[in-house]
Protein backbone atom coordinates (compact mmCIF):
# COMPACT_ATOMS: atom_id res chain seq x y z
CA MET A 1 75.37 120.92 144.29
CA SER A 2 74.91 118.97 140.96
CA TYR A 3 76.57 115.63 140.46
CA ILE A 4 78.63 116.89 137.37
CA ALA A 5 80.11 119.56 139.28
CA LYS A 6 81.56 116.81 141.50
CA LEU A 7 83.77 115.47 138.76
CA ASN A 8 87.31 116.89 137.38
CA LEU A 9 86.12 117.47 133.78
CA LYS A 10 88.89 118.34 131.01
CA THR A 11 89.11 118.51 127.26
CA VAL A 12 91.33 116.22 125.41
CA GLN A 13 92.29 114.89 121.81
CA ARG A 14 92.91 111.40 121.73
CA THR A 15 96.21 110.75 119.77
CA VAL A 16 96.28 106.66 119.61
CA GLN A 17 97.14 106.57 115.99
CA LYS A 18 99.23 103.52 114.37
CA ASP A 19 101.74 104.58 111.96
CA PRO A 20 100.02 103.99 108.34
CA VAL A 21 102.82 102.37 106.94
CA LEU A 22 102.99 100.08 109.66
CA ALA A 23 99.15 99.53 109.71
CA ARG A 24 99.73 98.36 105.88
CA ARG A 25 102.27 96.37 106.55
CA ASP A 26 100.30 94.35 109.22
CA LYS A 27 97.64 94.36 106.67
CA LEU A 28 99.94 92.96 103.89
CA MET A 29 100.94 89.89 106.08
CA ALA A 30 97.99 89.27 107.53
CA GLY A 31 96.77 88.52 104.17
CA ILE A 32 99.79 86.45 103.18
CA ASP A 33 99.48 84.30 106.32
CA GLU A 34 95.84 83.68 105.40
CA GLN A 35 97.02 82.67 101.82
CA GLY A 36 99.40 80.26 103.67
CA ARG A 37 96.05 78.72 104.95
CA VAL A 38 94.53 78.50 101.51
CA HIS A 39 97.61 77.23 100.18
CA ALA A 40 97.43 74.22 102.82
CA ALA A 41 94.01 73.68 102.10
CA ALA A 42 94.80 73.30 97.83
CA LEU A 43 97.54 70.77 99.20
CA ALA A 44 94.85 68.43 100.90
CA GLY A 45 92.31 69.24 98.21
CA THR A 46 89.73 71.09 99.96
CA GLU A 47 88.82 74.45 99.68
CA TYR A 48 89.86 77.29 102.18
CA THR A 49 86.43 79.20 103.77
CA VAL A 50 86.08 81.73 106.52
CA LYS A 51 82.68 82.24 108.39
CA ALA A 52 81.32 85.68 107.74
CA LYS A 53 78.20 87.14 109.46
CA ARG A 54 75.62 89.29 107.52
CA TRP A 55 72.33 90.35 108.16
CA GLN A 56 69.04 88.16 106.61
CA THR A 57 65.84 88.49 106.58
CA ASN A 58 64.07 85.24 107.86
CA GLU A 59 60.69 83.49 107.28
CA ALA A 60 59.04 85.56 109.55
CA GLY A 61 59.94 88.66 108.44
CA GLU A 62 62.78 89.61 111.04
CA ARG A 63 65.97 90.63 110.24
CA ALA A 64 68.43 88.31 112.15
CA ARG A 65 72.14 88.02 112.22
CA VAL A 66 73.26 84.63 110.38
CA GLU A 67 76.75 83.11 109.69
CA HIS A 68 77.79 81.66 105.91
CA GLU A 69 80.77 80.46 104.47
CA LYS A 70 82.69 82.92 102.48
CA ARG A 71 85.20 81.55 99.84
CA VAL A 72 88.74 82.98 99.98
CA ARG A 73 90.49 83.17 96.77
CA ALA A 74 93.93 81.84 96.26
CA TRP A 75 97.11 84.51 94.90
CA PHE A 76 98.50 81.60 93.12
CA PHE A 77 97.04 79.78 90.16
CA GLU A 78 98.49 77.42 87.23
CA GLN A 79 99.43 78.28 84.02
CA ASP A 80 102.50 77.52 81.42
CA GLY A 81 103.38 74.39 83.08
CA GLY A 82 103.57 75.56 86.68
CA TYR A 83 102.29 78.16 89.36
CA TYR A 84 102.44 81.81 89.21
CA VAL A 85 102.16 83.75 92.43
CA GLN A 86 100.81 87.13 92.91
CA CYS A 87 101.07 89.04 96.05
CA ARG A 88 97.83 91.26 96.86
CA TYR A 89 96.85 94.43 98.88
CA GLY A 90 93.56 93.88 99.04
CA SER A 91 91.89 93.43 95.87
CA ARG A 92 95.05 94.85 93.84
CA ILE A 93 97.96 93.15 92.47
CA LEU A 94 101.38 94.28 93.80
CA ASN A 95 104.18 95.15 90.99
CA ILE A 96 106.77 93.78 93.21
CA ASN A 97 109.87 95.03 91.41
CA GLY A 98 107.97 98.18 89.82
CA LYS A 99 107.40 95.90 86.97
CA SER A 100 106.65 92.35 87.45
CA ASN A 101 103.63 91.26 88.89
CA ALA A 102 104.19 87.81 90.12
CA VAL A 103 106.79 84.83 90.80
CA PHE A 104 106.91 81.70 88.69
CA VAL A 105 107.43 78.43 90.87
CA ASP A 106 107.40 74.66 89.25
CA THR A 107 105.15 72.93 91.54
CA LEU A 108 102.62 74.09 94.14
CA ASP A 109 104.49 72.90 96.77
CA ASP A 110 106.87 75.52 96.16
CA VAL A 111 103.90 78.40 96.38
CA ALA A 112 104.98 77.92 100.07
CA GLY A 113 108.32 79.30 99.59
CA ALA A 114 107.29 82.19 97.78
CA LEU A 115 104.75 83.32 100.50
CA LYS A 116 107.14 83.07 103.22
CA THR A 117 109.47 85.30 100.86
CA PHE A 118 106.38 87.96 100.29
CA LYS A 119 105.99 87.66 103.95
CA SER A 120 109.91 88.75 104.92
CA ALA A 121 109.93 90.89 102.29
CA ALA A 122 106.66 92.74 103.69
CA ASP A 123 107.93 92.63 107.65
CA SER A 124 111.21 94.34 106.42
CA GLY A 125 109.89 96.67 104.27
CA GLU A 126 110.70 95.97 100.64
CA LEU A 127 107.10 96.31 99.35
CA ASP A 128 106.32 99.41 101.41
CA LYS A 129 106.43 101.15 98.23
CA ALA A 130 104.35 98.90 95.74
CA VAL A 131 101.52 99.17 98.70
CA VAL A 132 101.66 102.96 98.84
CA GLU A 133 101.41 102.85 94.93
CA ALA A 134 98.01 99.91 95.09
CA ALA A 135 96.47 102.01 97.65
CA ALA A 136 96.91 105.38 95.90
CA LYS A 137 94.99 103.58 92.84
CA LYS A 138 92.02 103.49 95.09
CA LYS A 139 91.61 107.03 95.35
């Protein structure tokens, strides 16, 4: 008797998929959380970086996986006597209310409030339409 014949074999299609709307929402909220860390580093006067791994050829000619620090670009910038805060999905800037793409705040401390508002709006689904439009532009 064969070994495989002893097993209970079946054909199955795996259906463990997350709702695409919720997946986009989670990605946007993770980006907003990361921008909170970028903002905290800016307040401290440092630059926020994350560690990323990549393949690189060493002196012996072998391919090795090495860690390097990757700079994270801020979604906020100083201009016109204050700070503009933009919400991004990937590299695309979201149109928040259909036509405006930034929030103006007076000081660097106020950027945190704008990021919290973005996170609340993303969590409640207010930015879903803007995210769909930004994702559609990629195609």
